[in-house]
Amino acid sequence: MENTTFTPEAPRRRNAFKRFADKIAVEQEPGLTTAQLMLTNHDLKPVEPERRQWGPWNFVGFWIADSFNINTWMISGTMIVGGLSWWQSWICVWLGYAISGFFICLTGRIGAQYHIGFPVVARSSFGIWGSLWPVFNRAVMACIWYGVQSYIGGRCVYIMIRAIWLSWDRNTIPNTFSENSGTTTADYASFFIFWFCSLPAIWFPVHKIRHLFTVKSYVVPVAGIAFLVWAVVRAKGLGDIVRQPARLEGSELAWEFVKGVMSSIANFATLIVNDPDFSRFAGKPKDALWSQLFTIPIGFAVTSFIGIIVSSSSTVIYGGAPIWDPLDLLEKFIDDSGSGGRFGVFVIATAFALAQLGTNIAANSVSAGTDLTALLPRWLDIRRGGYIAAAVGLAMCPYTLLTDSNQFTTYLSAYSVFLSSIAGVMISDYYFVRRGYLDVKELYDARPTSPYRFTYGFHWRAYAAYIAGILINVVGFAGAVGTEVPIGATYVYNVNFFGGFGVSAFVYWGLCKLSPIPACSDKWMEVGDEIDDLRVAYDADNASGTGSQEYVPGKGEKDVGRVV
């Protein structure tokens, strides 16, 4: 018989790995099971009263800050190029962002009422484990957008440096990148500087980062108005765009108008889904209502108007086609201005860089951090998730996506279809099926008795509705990328957000009527004001300030959980 000798190397390696995993784990509530460790941490639990520091003016500052960015500046230009007049495109912006503000308030109320973020809200509709797919979708898009917005911020840094040193020129600095890469050495260096200088902003917790948005809401609009005045004065007027009529008539004009409205909504689809990530820090639910409903359309419409007038003025200053990209116009200002003019360009470019930083933190870093936290809550918090998003944004080489901006925009618009289906299920679940009632503690419960566990943690009704909302737009999307499709499918795709949202919301509501789910109310009943400092461990004391909610699993919609 062959002699064997026991070697302790494998157990040692396992123990070393376990010690390392425990060392990097985030702080957790004691007494959690293994399943619960994959469902909760401090950043996923309901925000306790001490951190509910966002008042209505913080939301006003947040949306003023978010509205002033390069994408919003240029959005009307796309519609004017498509054939609309300037005032028609501006109405599209007003309508699109007013509708977006309405949807924002619908999803934001859930977070403001129960103080939970999007990943936890999604558990009530998609299931404890089924929510991971929509969360993963949102996290991927946030990481991609982080890289893209950082590269745009890098262009601001490029202009800032060139305003000081004219020798910082992409055309004269030796280029180490290939011609078809989409970038140059000077552009990439500027991108890296912006990316690196953004890292400290990720460190601050969400309830404190509101101060960044407050500063941006004062500084950036002032710089934008200064840019507007400067351009109009140089042009000695408003330019030709404000006198240019629409180039389309009849049904073509109507559908172009509809597409303009939908492009505004599509530009906001990601924020519609994850507004609970911010509204959960509201002191009171109404703090996140009117402040968002009115500030969103006003802020985005004003920014768009400034973009229209500045671009119109560029046709007089330089002749030819309007320059819709404000950064391209600032570069031209550098070339034909003295030291005083270059200082003005530097100040405006700095404000644009601050604008991109604020937008990136608001729309991408916090969102990605929250979503990645939900995917690996034992080891990730919002801060760590934000730095992972930053690393992915750098590694993905975002300039490669921008080499064909039209194609990139097409796919981003298509992605709003997926997000609209998620939003449809979430809103239908909260407002029409559960009537505002959530048993918050059970959203962190993986046991079979949990009303949100459904079938092995997945909710088949939600997924059926989600897929239905996507399918209605699939044929139209094929037409958007160049495949010949029936005209009816194109018309449906032109209203893709409404189609995806409406179908998924209706199908979910219908399926829940035919096959009722537990923990619902037959009347409107929000119990978020019961939440104080939630303890989710199964043996936690029910007198922890949350209230204990009882329900009968498997019963119908009228078996309401009651607070005792």
Protein backbone atom coordinates (compact mmCIF):
# COMPACT_ATOMS: atom_id res chain seq x y z
CA MET A 1 0.00 0.00 0.00
CA GLU A 2 1.40 3.35 -1.02
CA ASN A 3 2.21 5.67 1.86
CA THR A 4 0.64 9.15 1.72
CA THR A 5 1.82 12.15 3.61
CA PHE A 6 -0.66 14.83 4.76
CA THR A 7 0.29 18.34 3.62
CA PRO A 8 -1.39 21.27 5.33
CA GLU A 9 -0.85 23.66 2.38
CA ALA A 10 -4.41 23.51 1.02
CA PRO A 11 -6.10 24.17 4.39
CA ARG A 12 -3.61 26.96 5.01
CA ARG A 13 -4.41 28.57 1.70
CA ARG A 14 -8.14 28.29 2.43
CA ASN A 15 -7.69 29.81 5.86
CA ALA A 16 -5.54 32.60 4.43
CA PHE A 17 -8.19 33.35 1.80
CA LYS A 18 -10.91 33.35 4.46
CA ARG A 19 -8.90 35.72 6.64
CA PHE A 20 -8.35 38.02 3.66
CA ALA A 21 -12.05 37.91 2.71
CA ASP A 22 -13.05 38.71 6.29
CA LYS A 23 -10.52 41.52 6.46
CA ILE A 24 -11.86 43.34 3.39
CA ALA A 25 -15.51 42.75 4.28
CA VAL A 26 -17.52 45.86 5.10
CA GLU A 27 -19.02 46.37 8.53
CA GLN A 28 -22.17 44.33 9.05
CA GLU A 29 -24.94 44.05 11.58
CA PRO A 30 -24.24 41.07 13.89
CA GLY A 31 -26.34 37.92 13.66
CA LEU A 32 -26.85 37.84 9.88
CA THR A 33 -27.11 34.55 8.04
CA THR A 34 -24.98 33.77 4.97
CA ALA A 35 -27.92 34.65 2.70
CA GLN A 36 -28.51 37.92 4.50
CA LEU A 37 -24.87 38.86 4.12
CA MET A 38 -25.60 38.89 0.37
CA LEU A 39 -28.63 41.13 0.86
CA THR A 40 -27.61 43.90 3.18
CA ASN A 41 -24.97 46.24 4.53
CA HIS A 42 -25.01 49.76 5.95
CA ASP A 43 -25.43 51.40 2.53
CA LEU A 44 -28.32 49.13 1.52
CA LYS A 45 -30.34 49.45 4.72
CA PRO A 46 -32.92 52.23 5.07
CA VAL A 47 -31.28 55.58 5.75
CA GLU A 48 -31.52 56.38 9.45
CA PRO A 49 -32.84 59.84 10.50
CA GLU A 50 -29.34 61.22 11.17
CA ARG A 51 -28.43 60.90 7.47
CA ARG A 52 -31.70 62.24 6.05
CA GLN A 53 -30.13 65.61 5.38
CA TRP A 54 -31.47 66.48 1.91
CA GLY A 55 -34.04 69.26 2.05
CA PRO A 56 -36.03 70.68 -0.89
CA TRP A 57 -33.33 73.24 -1.76
CA ASN A 58 -30.74 70.47 -1.90
CA PHE A 59 -32.83 68.77 -4.60
CA VAL A 60 -33.20 72.10 -6.42
CA GLY A 61 -29.42 72.56 -6.36
CA PHE A 62 -28.91 68.93 -7.39
CA TRP A 63 -31.03 69.25 -10.53
CA ILE A 64 -29.76 72.70 -11.49
CA ALA A 65 -26.28 71.24 -11.22
CA ASP A 66 -27.19 68.13 -13.19
CA SER A 67 -29.00 70.03 -15.94
CA PHE A 68 -25.97 72.10 -16.90
CA ASN A 69 -23.81 69.68 -18.86
CA ILE A 70 -22.54 69.26 -22.42
CA ASN A 71 -25.25 66.76 -23.45
CA THR A 72 -28.08 69.07 -22.39
CA TRP A 73 -26.39 72.03 -24.11
CA MET A 74 -26.38 70.14 -27.41
CA ILE A 75 -29.69 68.24 -27.26
CA SER A 76 -31.72 70.93 -29.09
CA GLY A 77 -29.07 71.08 -31.80
CA THR A 78 -29.81 67.48 -32.75
CA MET A 79 -33.49 68.33 -33.18
CA ILE A 80 -32.77 71.47 -35.24
CA VAL A 81 -30.46 69.49 -37.50
CA GLY A 82 -33.32 66.97 -37.84
CA GLY A 83 -35.57 69.69 -39.29
CA LEU A 84 -37.30 71.48 -36.39
CA SER A 85 -37.18 75.21 -35.79
CA TRP A 86 -35.43 76.44 -32.66
CA TRP A 87 -38.66 77.10 -30.76
CA GLN A 88 -40.10 73.72 -31.71
CA SER A 89 -36.98 71.98 -30.44
CA TRP A 90 -37.16 74.01 -27.25
CA ILE A 91 -40.78 72.95 -26.69
CA CYS A 92 -39.61 69.35 -27.13
CA VAL A 93 -37.10 69.88 -24.34
CA TRP A 94 -39.75 71.42 -22.06
CA LEU A 95 -42.19 68.57 -22.69
CA GLY A 96 -39.60 65.80 -22.53
CA TYR A 97 -38.09 66.90 -19.25
CA ALA A 98 -41.46 67.77 -17.72
CA ILE A 99 -42.53 64.19 -18.40
CA SER A 100 -39.20 62.95 -17.06
CA GLY A 101 -39.71 65.03 -13.92
CA PHE A 102 -43.10 63.39 -13.41
CA PHE A 103 -41.57 59.90 -13.67
CA ILE A 104 -38.70 60.98 -11.41
CA CYS A 105 -41.19 61.97 -8.73
CA LEU A 106 -43.00 58.63 -9.06
CA THR A 107 -39.88 56.54 -8.43
CA GLY A 108 -38.36 59.11 -6.07
CA ARG A 109 -41.35 58.98 -3.74
CA ILE A 110 -40.63 55.33 -2.99
CA GLY A 111 -37.13 56.20 -1.82
CA ALA A 112 -38.28 59.32 0.05
CA GLN A 113 -41.05 57.43 1.83
CA TYR A 114 -39.17 54.26 2.80
CA HIS A 115 -35.58 55.61 2.63
CA ILE A 116 -34.35 52.73 0.47
CA GLY A 117 -32.42 52.85 -2.81
CA PHE A 118 -33.24 51.40 -6.23
CA PRO A 119 -31.63 47.96 -5.63
CA VAL A 120 -33.84 47.37 -2.59
CA VAL A 121 -36.96 48.86 -4.19
CA ALA A 122 -36.51 46.44 -7.10
CA ARG A 123 -36.71 43.47 -4.70
CA SER A 124 -40.39 44.13 -4.01
CA SER A 125 -41.27 43.66 -7.69
CA PHE A 126 -38.54 41.44 -9.19
CA GLY A 127 -37.87 39.32 -6.11
CA ILE A 128 -35.07 39.10 -3.57
CA TRP A 129 -32.64 37.51 -6.05
CA GLY A 130 -34.45 38.42 -9.27
CA SER A 131 -33.69 42.09 -8.63
CA LEU A 132 -30.00 41.43 -9.32
CA TRP A 133 -30.53 41.42 -13.09
CA PRO A 134 -32.04 44.93 -13.41
CA VAL A 135 -29.47 46.14 -10.87
CA PHE A 136 -26.67 44.63 -12.95
CA ASN A 137 -28.08 46.29 -16.09
CA ARG A 138 -28.10 49.66 -14.39
CA ALA A 139 -24.58 49.17 -12.98
CA VAL A 140 -23.12 48.35 -16.41
CA MET A 141 -24.66 51.42 -18.01
CA ALA A 142 -23.47 53.63 -15.14
CA CYS A 143 -19.90 52.37 -15.58
CA ILE A 144 -20.00 53.00 -19.33
CA TRP A 145 -21.42 56.48 -18.87
CA TYR A 146 -18.83 57.23 -16.19
CA GLY A 147 -16.09 56.67 -18.76
CA VAL A 148 -17.87 58.65 -21.48
CA GLN A 149 -18.63 61.63 -19.23
CA SER A 150 -15.05 61.56 -17.92
CA TYR A 151 -13.72 61.74 -21.47
CA ILE A 152 -15.95 64.75 -22.15
CA GLY A 153 -14.63 66.26 -18.93
CA GLY A 154 -11.14 65.58 -20.25
CA ARG A 155 -11.93 67.78 -23.25
CA CYS A 156 -12.72 70.59 -20.78
CA VAL A 157 -9.32 70.04 -19.14
CA TYR A 158 -7.67 70.12 -22.59
CA ILE A 159 -9.18 73.56 -23.24
CA MET A 160 -8.17 74.78 -19.76
CA ILE A 161 -4.55 73.79 -20.35
CA ARG A 162 -4.48 75.15 -23.89
CA ALA A 163 -5.90 78.47 -22.73
CA ILE A 164 -2.76 78.80 -20.58
CA TRP A 165 -0.21 77.17 -22.90
CA LEU A 166 -1.00 77.43 -26.59
CA SER A 167 1.63 74.77 -27.23
CA TRP A 168 -0.76 72.20 -25.71
CA ASP A 169 -2.16 71.33 -29.12
CA ARG A 170 -3.29 67.86 -30.22
CA ASN A 171 -2.08 68.67 -33.74
CA THR A 172 1.51 69.46 -32.72
CA ILE A 173 2.12 67.23 -29.69
CA PRO A 174 3.56 63.87 -30.87
CA ASN A 175 0.71 61.38 -31.01
CA THR A 176 1.30 57.82 -29.77
CA PHE A 177 -2.24 56.61 -30.57
CA SER A 178 -3.40 55.22 -33.90
CA GLU A 179 -5.41 57.43 -36.23
CA ASN A 180 -8.58 55.37 -35.85
CA SER A 181 -8.35 55.09 -32.05
CA GLY A 182 -10.57 58.12 -31.49
CA THR A 183 -8.07 60.03 -29.34
CA THR A 184 -4.64 61.61 -29.30
CA THR A 185 -1.88 61.78 -26.71
CA ALA A 186 -2.92 65.30 -25.65
CA ASP A 187 -6.59 64.33 -25.40
CA TYR A 188 -5.86 61.16 -23.46
CA ALA A 189 -3.57 62.99 -21.03
CA SER A 190 -6.34 65.56 -20.44
CA PHE A 191 -8.85 62.74 -19.93
CA PHE A 192 -6.58 61.06 -17.38
CA ILE A 193 -6.09 64.33 -15.48
CA PHE A 194 -9.87 64.81 -15.23
CA TRP A 195 -10.38 61.17 -14.23
CA PHE A 196 -7.67 61.34 -11.56
CA CYS A 197 -8.88 64.65 -10.11
CA SER A 198 -12.42 63.23 -9.89
CA LEU A 199 -11.40 60.43 -7.51
CA PRO A 200 -11.55 62.48 -4.26
CA ALA A 201 -15.21 63.37 -4.94
CA ILE A 202 -16.14 59.66 -4.85
CA TRP A 203 -14.85 59.41 -1.27
CA PHE A 204 -17.56 61.53 0.34
CA PRO A 205 -20.82 59.85 1.48
CA VAL A 206 -23.97 60.61 -0.49
CA HIS A 207 -25.64 62.64 2.25
CA LYS A 208 -22.58 64.97 2.26
CA ILE A 209 -21.93 65.21 -1.49
CA ARG A 210 -24.95 67.51 -1.76
CA HIS A 211 -22.57 70.40 -1.05
CA LEU A 212 -20.81 69.75 -4.38
CA PHE A 213 -24.10 70.17 -6.20
CA THR A 214 -24.84 73.37 -4.28
CA VAL A 215 -21.52 74.89 -5.38
CA LYS A 216 -22.05 73.74 -8.95
CA SER A 217 -25.59 75.18 -9.03
CA TYR A 218 -24.16 78.65 -8.31
CA VAL A 219 -20.93 78.57 -10.32
CA VAL A 220 -21.82 76.78 -13.53
CA PRO A 221 -25.01 78.65 -14.57
CA VAL A 222 -23.19 81.97 -14.07
CA ALA A 223 -20.42 80.77 -16.38
CA GLY A 224 -23.00 79.60 -18.91
CA ILE A 225 -24.75 82.98 -18.93
CA ALA A 226 -21.37 84.69 -19.31
CA PHE A 227 -20.66 82.45 -22.33
CA LEU A 228 -24.06 83.41 -23.76
CA VAL A 229 -23.44 87.15 -23.36
CA TRP A 230 -19.91 86.85 -24.77
CA ALA A 231 -21.11 84.99 -27.88
CA VAL A 232 -24.03 87.36 -28.53
CA VAL A 233 -21.81 90.42 -28.12
CA ARG A 234 -19.20 89.02 -30.52
CA ALA A 235 -21.92 88.17 -33.06
CA LYS A 236 -23.67 91.53 -32.54
CA GLY A 237 -26.94 89.66 -32.48
CA LEU A 238 -28.58 86.29 -32.07
CA GLY A 239 -27.62 84.76 -35.40
CA ASP A 240 -29.63 83.03 -38.08
CA ILE A 241 -30.94 79.98 -36.23
CA VAL A 242 -33.56 81.98 -34.33
CA ARG A 243 -35.00 83.10 -37.70
CA GLN A 244 -34.77 79.70 -39.36
CA PRO A 245 -38.17 78.02 -39.92
CA ALA A 246 -38.80 74.30 -39.69
CA ARG A 247 -37.71 72.35 -42.76
CA LEU A 248 -40.41 69.71 -42.36
CA GLU A 249 -44.18 69.73 -42.76
CA GLY A 250 -47.16 67.56 -41.96
CA SER A 251 -46.63 64.10 -40.53
CA GLU A 252 -42.85 64.32 -40.95
CA LEU A 253 -42.78 67.39 -38.71
CA ALA A 254 -45.09 65.71 -36.18
CA TRP A 255 -42.96 62.58 -35.92
CA GLU A 256 -39.74 64.57 -35.69
CA PHE A 257 -41.33 66.51 -32.84
CA VAL A 258 -42.28 63.26 -31.11
CA LYS A 259 -38.74 61.92 -31.53
CA GLY A 260 -37.41 65.15 -30.04
CA VAL A 261 -39.55 64.70 -26.94
CA MET A 262 -38.55 61.04 -26.67
CA SER A 263 -34.84 61.84 -27.02
CA SER A 264 -35.15 64.12 -23.98
CA ILE A 265 -36.82 61.34 -22.00
CA ALA A 266 -34.29 58.74 -23.19
CA ASN A 267 -31.50 61.03 -22.01
CA PHE A 268 -33.08 60.78 -18.55
CA ALA A 269 -34.09 57.10 -18.45
CA THR A 270 -31.25 56.02 -16.17
CA LEU A 271 -32.06 58.69 -13.58
CA ILE A 272 -35.77 57.82 -13.66
CA VAL A 273 -34.92 54.30 -12.49
CA ASN A 274 -32.43 55.18 -9.79
CA ASP A 275 -33.82 58.40 -8.28
CA PRO A 276 -34.54 56.50 -5.02
CA ASP A 277 -30.75 56.37 -4.53
CA PHE A 278 -30.93 60.12 -3.79
CA SER A 279 -34.49 60.68 -2.61
CA ARG A 280 -33.97 58.22 0.26
CA PHE A 281 -31.85 60.91 1.92
CA ALA A 282 -34.81 63.34 1.96
CA GLY A 283 -35.84 64.62 5.35
CA LYS A 284 -39.53 64.32 4.42
CA PRO A 285 -41.22 62.76 1.36
CA LYS A 286 -42.51 66.14 0.12
CA ASP A 287 -38.92 67.46 0.08
CA ALA A 288 -38.32 65.30 -2.99
CA LEU A 289 -41.61 66.13 -4.74
CA TRP A 290 -42.16 69.73 -5.87
CA SER A 291 -38.46 70.54 -5.83
CA GLN A 292 -37.86 67.88 -8.49
CA LEU A 293 -41.08 68.26 -10.45
CA PHE A 294 -40.45 71.93 -11.32
CA THR A 295 -36.66 72.21 -11.24
CA ILE A 296 -36.03 69.46 -13.80
CA PRO A 297 -37.89 70.97 -16.80
CA ILE A 298 -36.84 74.53 -15.92
CA GLY A 299 -33.16 73.69 -15.44
CA PHE A 300 -32.81 71.59 -18.58
CA ALA A 301 -34.85 74.00 -20.73
CA VAL A 302 -32.74 77.01 -19.67
CA THR A 303 -29.50 75.15 -20.41
CA SER A 304 -30.84 74.05 -23.79
CA PHE A 305 -31.90 77.63 -24.62
CA ILE A 306 -28.41 78.94 -23.86
CA GLY A 307 -26.99 76.25 -26.15
CA ILE A 308 -29.32 77.27 -28.98
CA ILE A 309 -28.46 80.97 -28.80
CA VAL A 310 -24.70 80.45 -28.44
CA SER A 311 -24.67 78.06 -31.40
CA SER A 312 -26.77 80.48 -33.42
CA SER A 313 -24.28 83.26 -32.66
CA SER A 314 -21.45 81.04 -33.91
CA THR A 315 -22.90 81.16 -37.43
CA VAL A 316 -22.33 84.93 -37.46
CA ILE A 317 -18.93 84.86 -35.79
CA TYR A 318 -17.38 82.15 -37.97
CA GLY A 319 -19.83 81.67 -40.81
CA GLY A 320 -20.99 78.34 -42.16
CA ALA A 321 -22.84 75.73 -40.13
CA PRO A 322 -23.59 76.36 -36.44
CA ILE A 323 -21.15 74.95 -33.89
CA TRP A 324 -23.34 72.94 -31.53
CA ASP A 325 -20.55 71.63 -29.32
CA PRO A 326 -19.64 74.43 -26.85
CA LEU A 327 -16.16 72.96 -26.36
CA ASP A 328 -15.43 73.23 -30.10
CA LEU A 329 -16.54 76.86 -29.96
CA LEU A 330 -14.32 77.57 -26.95
CA GLU A 331 -11.34 76.12 -28.85
CA LYS A 332 -12.03 78.57 -31.68
CA PHE A 333 -12.21 81.41 -29.18
CA ILE A 334 -8.71 80.47 -27.98
CA ASP A 335 -7.31 80.72 -31.50
CA ASP A 336 -8.60 84.26 -32.17
CA SER A 337 -8.42 85.84 -28.70
CA GLY A 338 -5.72 87.61 -26.73
CA SER A 339 -4.66 86.84 -23.17
CA GLY A 340 -7.87 88.34 -21.74
CA GLY A 341 -10.02 86.21 -24.01
CA ARG A 342 -8.05 83.08 -23.17
CA PHE A 343 -8.58 83.79 -19.46
CA GLY A 344 -12.31 83.95 -20.11
CA VAL A 345 -12.13 80.63 -21.98
CA PHE A 346 -10.21 79.14 -19.05
CA VAL A 347 -12.88 80.21 -16.55
CA ILE A 348 -15.75 78.90 -18.69
CA ALA A 349 -13.94 75.61 -19.41
CA THR A 350 -13.29 75.20 -15.67
CA ALA A 351 -17.01 75.64 -15.02
CA PHE A 352 -17.79 73.03 -17.70
CA ALA A 353 -15.29 70.66 -16.05
CA LEU A 354 -17.07 71.18 -12.72
CA ALA A 355 -20.37 70.56 -14.51
CA GLN A 356 -19.11 67.24 -15.88
CA LEU A 357 -17.76 66.25 -12.46
CA GLY A 358 -21.09 66.90 -10.77
CA THR A 359 -23.04 65.09 -13.49
CA ASN A 360 -20.69 62.13 -13.35
CA ILE A 361 -20.97 61.82 -9.57
CA ALA A 362 -24.75 62.24 -9.58
CA ALA A 363 -25.76 60.12 -12.54
CA ASN A 364 -22.99 57.54 -12.62
CA SER A 365 -20.69 57.21 -9.63
CA VAL A 366 -23.34 57.08 -6.90
CA SER A 367 -25.64 54.98 -9.07
CA ALA A 368 -22.93 52.47 -9.98
CA GLY A 369 -21.71 52.40 -6.38
CA THR A 370 -25.19 51.65 -5.05
CA ASP A 371 -25.86 48.99 -7.68
CA LEU A 372 -22.49 47.25 -7.24
CA THR A 373 -23.07 47.30 -3.48
CA ALA A 374 -26.26 45.30 -4.04
CA LEU A 375 -24.37 42.75 -6.17
CA LEU A 376 -21.70 42.09 -3.50
CA PRO A 377 -22.89 43.71 -0.26
CA ARG A 378 -20.55 41.71 1.94
CA TRP A 379 -17.48 43.33 0.38
CA LEU A 380 -18.68 46.48 -1.37
CA ASP A 381 -20.17 49.75 -0.20
CA ILE A 382 -21.08 52.82 -2.26
CA ARG A 383 -17.58 54.25 -1.96
CA ARG A 384 -15.85 51.07 -3.14
CA GLY A 385 -18.42 50.61 -5.89
CA GLY A 386 -17.81 54.17 -7.07
CA TYR A 387 -14.08 53.53 -7.36
CA ILE A 388 -14.76 50.30 -9.27
CA ALA A 389 -16.93 52.31 -11.69
CA ALA A 390 -14.10 54.81 -12.09
CA ALA A 391 -11.62 52.00 -12.81
CA VAL A 392 -13.96 50.47 -15.39
CA GLY A 393 -14.54 53.89 -16.95
CA LEU A 394 -10.78 54.29 -17.43
CA ALA A 395 -10.14 50.74 -18.61
CA MET A 396 -12.97 50.69 -21.17
CA CYS A 397 -11.24 53.38 -23.30
CA PRO A 398 -14.41 55.47 -23.77
CA TYR A 399 -12.99 57.36 -26.74
CA THR A 400 -13.47 54.21 -28.84
CA LEU A 401 -17.23 54.49 -28.31
CA LEU A 402 -17.27 58.11 -29.44
CA THR A 403 -15.57 57.46 -32.79
CA ASP A 404 -19.07 56.95 -34.23
CA SER A 405 -21.25 59.17 -32.08
CA ASN A 406 -24.41 58.51 -34.12
CA GLN A 407 -24.19 54.76 -33.61
CA PHE A 408 -23.37 55.22 -29.93
CA THR A 409 -26.39 57.49 -29.49
CA THR A 410 -28.61 54.93 -31.24
CA TYR A 411 -27.60 52.14 -28.89
CA LEU A 412 -27.94 54.37 -25.83
CA SER A 413 -31.44 55.29 -26.94
CA ALA A 414 -32.21 51.60 -27.35
CA TYR A 415 -30.97 50.95 -23.83
CA SER A 416 -33.69 53.24 -22.52
CA VAL A 417 -36.14 50.55 -23.67
CA PHE A 418 -34.71 48.14 -21.09
CA LEU A 419 -34.82 50.79 -18.39
CA SER A 420 -38.39 51.83 -19.26
CA SER A 421 -39.53 48.23 -18.76
CA ILE A 422 -37.84 48.14 -15.35
CA ALA A 423 -39.46 51.45 -14.39
CA GLY A 424 -42.86 50.20 -15.59
CA VAL A 425 -42.70 47.13 -13.35
CA MET A 426 -41.45 49.11 -10.32
CA ILE A 427 -44.09 51.85 -10.57
CA SER A 428 -46.93 49.44 -11.30
CA ASP A 429 -45.89 47.30 -8.33
CA TYR A 430 -45.79 50.19 -5.87
CA TYR A 431 -48.72 52.34 -6.97
CA PHE A 432 -51.25 49.91 -8.45
CA VAL A 433 -50.52 46.49 -6.95
CA ARG A 434 -49.20 47.17 -3.43
CA ARG A 435 -50.89 50.59 -3.06
CA GLY A 436 -47.87 52.12 -1.38
CA TYR A 437 -47.35 49.33 1.15
CA LEU A 438 -43.89 47.77 1.61
CA ASP A 439 -42.83 45.44 4.41
CA VAL A 440 -39.32 46.85 4.49
CA LYS A 441 -37.73 44.34 6.85
CA GLU A 442 -38.83 41.49 4.59
CA LEU A 443 -36.91 43.04 1.69
CA TYR A 444 -33.78 41.73 3.47
CA ASP A 445 -35.24 38.29 4.22
CA ALA A 446 -34.18 35.32 2.06
CA ARG A 447 -36.31 32.71 3.85
CA PRO A 448 -39.13 30.94 1.96
CA THR A 449 -41.71 32.70 4.16
CA SER A 450 -40.69 36.15 2.87
CA PRO A 451 -43.44 37.74 0.73
CA TYR A 452 -40.76 38.95 -1.71
CA ARG A 453 -39.06 35.62 -2.25
CA PHE A 454 -41.69 34.41 -4.75
CA THR A 455 -40.20 31.43 -6.68
CA TYR A 456 -36.67 30.76 -5.44
CA GLY A 457 -36.20 34.51 -5.10
CA PHE A 458 -37.41 35.35 -8.64
CA HIS A 459 -40.77 36.92 -9.51
CA TRP A 460 -42.02 35.42 -12.77
CA ARG A 461 -44.79 38.05 -13.20
CA ALA A 462 -42.22 40.86 -13.13
CA TYR A 463 -40.00 39.12 -15.65
CA ALA A 464 -42.91 38.37 -17.96
CA ALA A 465 -43.90 42.04 -17.89
CA TYR A 466 -40.28 43.16 -18.31
CA ILE A 467 -39.82 40.97 -21.40
CA ALA A 468 -43.16 42.09 -22.85
CA GLY A 469 -42.07 45.73 -22.54
CA ILE A 470 -38.87 44.96 -24.42
CA LEU A 471 -40.45 42.83 -27.15
CA ILE A 472 -42.80 45.59 -28.31
CA ASN A 473 -39.75 47.65 -29.33
CA VAL A 474 -37.45 44.94 -30.69
CA VAL A 475 -38.54 45.21 -34.34
CA GLY A 476 -38.37 49.00 -34.27
CA PHE A 477 -34.87 48.86 -32.82
CA ALA A 478 -33.79 46.67 -35.73
CA GLY A 479 -35.03 49.40 -38.03
CA ALA A 480 -33.08 52.04 -36.08
CA VAL A 481 -29.81 50.21 -36.74
CA GLY A 482 -30.44 49.86 -40.47
CA THR A 483 -32.65 46.81 -41.02
CA GLU A 484 -35.76 47.28 -43.16
CA VAL A 485 -38.86 46.88 -40.99
CA PRO A 486 -42.59 47.70 -41.32
CA ILE A 487 -43.42 51.36 -40.86
CA GLY A 488 -45.71 50.51 -37.95
CA ALA A 489 -42.79 49.08 -35.98
CA THR A 490 -40.87 52.30 -36.62
CA TYR A 491 -43.75 54.38 -35.28
CA VAL A 492 -43.93 52.21 -32.16
CA TYR A 493 -40.19 52.56 -31.63
CA ASN A 494 -40.46 56.34 -32.00
CA VAL A 495 -42.33 56.30 -28.67
CA ASN A 496 -40.15 53.53 -27.25
CA PHE A 497 -40.06 54.72 -23.63
CA PHE A 498 -43.83 55.02 -23.40
CA GLY A 499 -44.27 51.70 -25.21
CA GLY A 500 -41.89 49.81 -22.95
CA PHE A 501 -43.17 51.49 -19.80
CA GLY A 502 -46.86 51.16 -20.61
CA VAL A 503 -46.75 47.52 -21.72
CA SER A 504 -44.62 46.34 -18.80
CA ALA A 505 -46.74 48.25 -16.25
CA PHE A 506 -50.03 46.95 -17.64
CA VAL A 507 -48.86 43.35 -18.03
CA TYR A 508 -47.48 43.32 -14.48
CA TRP A 509 -50.71 44.73 -13.04
CA GLY A 510 -52.80 42.25 -15.04
CA LEU A 511 -50.74 39.24 -13.99
CA CYS A 512 -50.92 40.27 -10.34
CA LYS A 513 -54.70 40.58 -10.66
CA LEU A 514 -54.99 37.13 -12.19
CA SER A 515 -52.49 35.61 -9.76
CA PRO A 516 -52.42 37.75 -6.58
CA ILE A 517 -49.23 38.24 -4.60
CA PRO A 518 -48.79 38.63 -0.82
CA ALA A 519 -48.06 41.74 1.27
CA CYS A 520 -50.36 44.09 -0.63
CA SER A 521 -53.00 46.56 0.48
CA ASP A 522 -56.54 47.08 -0.80
CA LYS A 523 -56.28 50.79 0.02
CA TRP A 524 -53.50 53.35 -0.12
CA MET A 525 -51.18 52.71 2.83
CA GLU A 526 -47.59 53.99 3.12
CA VAL A 527 -45.88 53.06 6.39
CA GLY A 528 -42.43 54.48 5.75
CA ASP A 529 -42.70 56.86 8.69
CA GLU A 530 -42.39 53.80 10.95
CA ILE A 531 -38.77 53.27 9.87
CA ASP A 532 -36.12 54.41 12.30
CA ASP A 533 -33.02 52.26 12.73
CA LEU A 534 -33.84 48.96 11.06
CA ARG A 535 -32.31 45.71 12.35
CA VAL A 536 -32.71 42.92 9.80
CA ALA A 537 -31.16 39.94 11.61
CA TYR A 538 -33.79 37.24 12.06
CA ASP A 539 -33.48 37.33 15.84
CA ALA A 540 -33.34 41.14 16.04
CA ASP A 541 -35.48 42.82 18.66
CA ASN A 542 -38.73 43.97 17.07
CA ALA A 543 -38.74 47.01 19.30
CA SER A 544 -35.92 48.62 17.36
CA GLY A 545 -38.08 51.49 16.17
CA THR A 546 -39.17 49.93 12.89
CA GLY A 547 -42.40 48.29 13.89
CA SER A 548 -42.98 44.61 13.18
CA GLN A 549 -45.10 43.86 10.14
CA GLU A 550 -47.17 40.70 9.97
CA TYR A 551 -48.51 39.14 6.80
CA VAL A 552 -49.87 35.81 5.61
CA PRO A 553 -47.64 34.42 2.83
CA GLY A 554 -49.42 33.17 -0.25
CA LYS A 555 -52.63 35.05 0.37
CA GLY A 556 -54.14 37.47 -2.08
CA GLU A 557 -53.85 41.18 -2.58
CA LYS A 558 -56.32 42.02 0.19
CA ASP A 559 -54.32 40.25 2.91
CA VAL A 560 -52.62 43.37 4.11
CA GLY A 561 -49.52 43.43 6.29
CA ARG A 562 -50.35 45.43 9.39
CA VAL A 563 -48.01 47.33 11.67
CA VAL A 564 -48.14 46.12 15.27
